Amino acid sequence: MKLITAYVQPHKLNDVKQELFKREIHKISITNALGCGQQKGYHETYRGVDVEVNLLKKVRLEIAVNEEFADATVDAIITGARTGAIGDGKIFVTPIEECIRIRSGEKGKAAIG
């Protein structure tokens, strides 16, 4: 079992979801996030005051999958999120030690679904 965490541009979220659905991956958690990396933010002027914005909007996806879906999930995220520009995002793949479905008490592969 793997937990795939990805940070992508907000405007690429629909593309990523479509790619995941094409590969039969439907169970995802999505949250809004702020962060900075190589983009290093930008400067803007607001009412005559120079403002440095270094925390940019991102979307965080968390997807728990069984081993056989891990590569397909990563490929779907890359396909949907890639623009070729700095700021496309990052993907982290971490092992899951245990998964338990609260409703039924199922454990392991059966709990992830």
Protein backbone atom coordinates (compact mmCIF):
# COMPACT_ATOMS: atom_id res chain seq x y z
CA MET A 1 0.00 0.00 0.00
CA LYS A 2 1.22 3.48 -0.88
CA LEU A 3 0.19 7.03 -0.03
CA ILE A 4 0.73 9.35 -2.96
CA THR A 5 0.81 13.03 -2.06
CA ALA A 6 1.01 15.55 -4.88
CA TYR A 7 1.12 19.33 -5.02
CA VAL A 8 -0.13 20.75 -8.33
CA GLN A 9 -1.24 24.05 -9.83
CA PRO A 10 -4.91 24.81 -9.05
CA HIS A 11 -5.78 25.33 -12.72
CA LYS A 12 -4.50 21.80 -13.55
CA LEU A 13 -6.72 20.03 -10.99
CA ASN A 14 -9.46 19.09 -13.46
CA ASP A 15 -6.89 17.68 -15.91
CA VAL A 16 -5.35 15.59 -13.13
CA LYS A 17 -8.75 14.29 -11.98
CA GLN A 18 -9.69 13.32 -15.55
CA GLU A 19 -6.43 11.38 -15.95
CA LEU A 20 -7.00 9.60 -12.64
CA PHE A 21 -10.58 8.67 -13.57
CA LYS A 22 -9.37 7.27 -16.93
CA ARG A 23 -7.17 4.88 -14.93
CA GLU A 24 -10.01 3.82 -12.59
CA ILE A 25 -8.67 5.80 -9.62
CA HIS A 26 -11.62 7.50 -7.93
CA LYS A 27 -10.79 7.83 -4.23
CA ILE A 28 -8.85 11.06 -3.65
CA SER A 29 -8.63 13.78 -1.01
CA ILE A 30 -8.01 17.34 -2.13
CA THR A 31 -7.07 20.37 -0.02
CA ASN A 32 -5.90 23.88 -0.81
CA ALA A 33 -2.32 24.66 0.15
CA LEU A 34 0.15 27.54 0.09
CA GLY A 35 3.83 27.07 -0.61
CA CYS A 36 6.95 28.23 -2.35
CA GLY A 37 9.73 26.52 -4.21
CA GLN A 38 11.74 27.38 -7.31
CA GLN A 39 9.09 29.90 -8.37
CA LYS A 40 10.08 32.08 -5.39
CA GLY A 41 6.86 34.08 -5.62
CA TYR A 42 6.37 37.45 -7.27
CA HIS A 43 6.11 41.18 -6.53
CA GLU A 44 3.04 43.28 -7.05
CA THR A 45 2.01 46.81 -6.20
CA TYR A 46 -1.15 47.27 -4.18
CA ARG A 47 -2.29 50.85 -3.59
CA GLY A 48 1.20 52.13 -4.20
CA VAL A 49 2.88 49.69 -1.82
CA ASP A 50 5.28 47.04 -3.14
CA VAL A 51 4.16 43.64 -1.84
CA GLU A 52 6.19 40.43 -2.06
CA VAL A 53 4.01 37.35 -2.46
CA ASN A 54 6.14 34.27 -1.81
CA LEU A 55 3.45 31.77 -0.79
CA LEU A 56 1.68 30.65 -3.94
CA LYS A 57 -1.60 28.77 -4.20
CA LYS A 58 -1.33 25.03 -4.79
CA VAL A 59 -3.65 22.05 -4.51
CA ARG A 60 -2.66 19.03 -2.42
CA LEU A 61 -3.91 15.61 -3.50
CA GLU A 62 -3.69 12.57 -1.25
CA ILE A 63 -4.38 9.19 -2.77
CA ALA A 64 -4.02 5.86 -0.95
CA VAL A 65 -3.61 2.97 -3.38
CA ASN A 66 -2.64 -0.66 -3.45
CA GLU A 67 0.80 -1.47 -4.91
CA GLU A 68 -0.54 -2.35 -8.36
CA PHE A 69 -2.09 1.13 -8.79
CA ALA A 70 0.89 3.19 -7.59
CA ASP A 71 2.64 3.62 -10.95
CA ALA A 72 -0.61 4.34 -12.80
CA THR A 73 -1.52 6.98 -10.22
CA VAL A 74 1.84 8.73 -10.49
CA ASP A 75 1.68 8.63 -14.31
CA ALA A 76 -1.84 10.09 -14.28
CA ILE A 77 -0.76 12.99 -12.05
CA ILE A 78 2.26 13.73 -14.21
CA THR A 79 0.21 13.61 -17.42
CA GLY A 80 -2.50 15.88 -16.02
CA ALA A 81 -0.30 18.40 -14.21
CA ARG A 82 2.72 18.87 -16.50
CA THR A 83 3.06 22.18 -18.33
CA GLY A 84 6.84 22.15 -18.61
CA ALA A 85 7.22 25.32 -16.56
CA ILE A 86 8.64 25.88 -13.09
CA GLY A 87 5.92 25.33 -10.50
CA ASP A 88 4.23 22.26 -11.99
CA GLY A 89 4.46 20.61 -8.57
CA LYS A 90 5.85 17.60 -6.73
CA ILE A 91 4.78 14.02 -6.03
CA PHE A 92 5.73 12.09 -2.89
CA VAL A 93 5.21 8.33 -2.60
CA THR A 94 5.33 6.88 0.91
CA PRO A 95 4.56 3.39 2.20
CA ILE A 96 1.45 2.83 4.30
CA GLU A 97 1.98 0.51 7.22
CA GLU A 98 -1.70 -0.17 7.90
CA CYS A 99 -5.11 0.92 6.64
CA ILE A 100 -8.36 0.27 8.50
CA ARG A 101 -11.85 1.07 7.23
CA ILE A 102 -13.73 2.48 10.21
CA ARG A 103 -17.22 1.39 9.10
CA SER A 104 -16.49 -2.32 8.65
CA GLY A 105 -13.16 -2.86 10.40
CA GLU A 106 -11.56 -4.20 7.19
CA LYS A 107 -7.78 -3.98 7.14
CA GLY A 108 -5.04 -3.79 4.52
CA LYS A 109 -5.70 -3.99 0.79
CA ALA A 110 -9.44 -4.54 1.26
CA ALA A 111 -9.76 -1.33 3.28
CA ILE A 112 -8.21 0.86 0.58
CA GLY A 113 -10.47 -0.56 -2.10
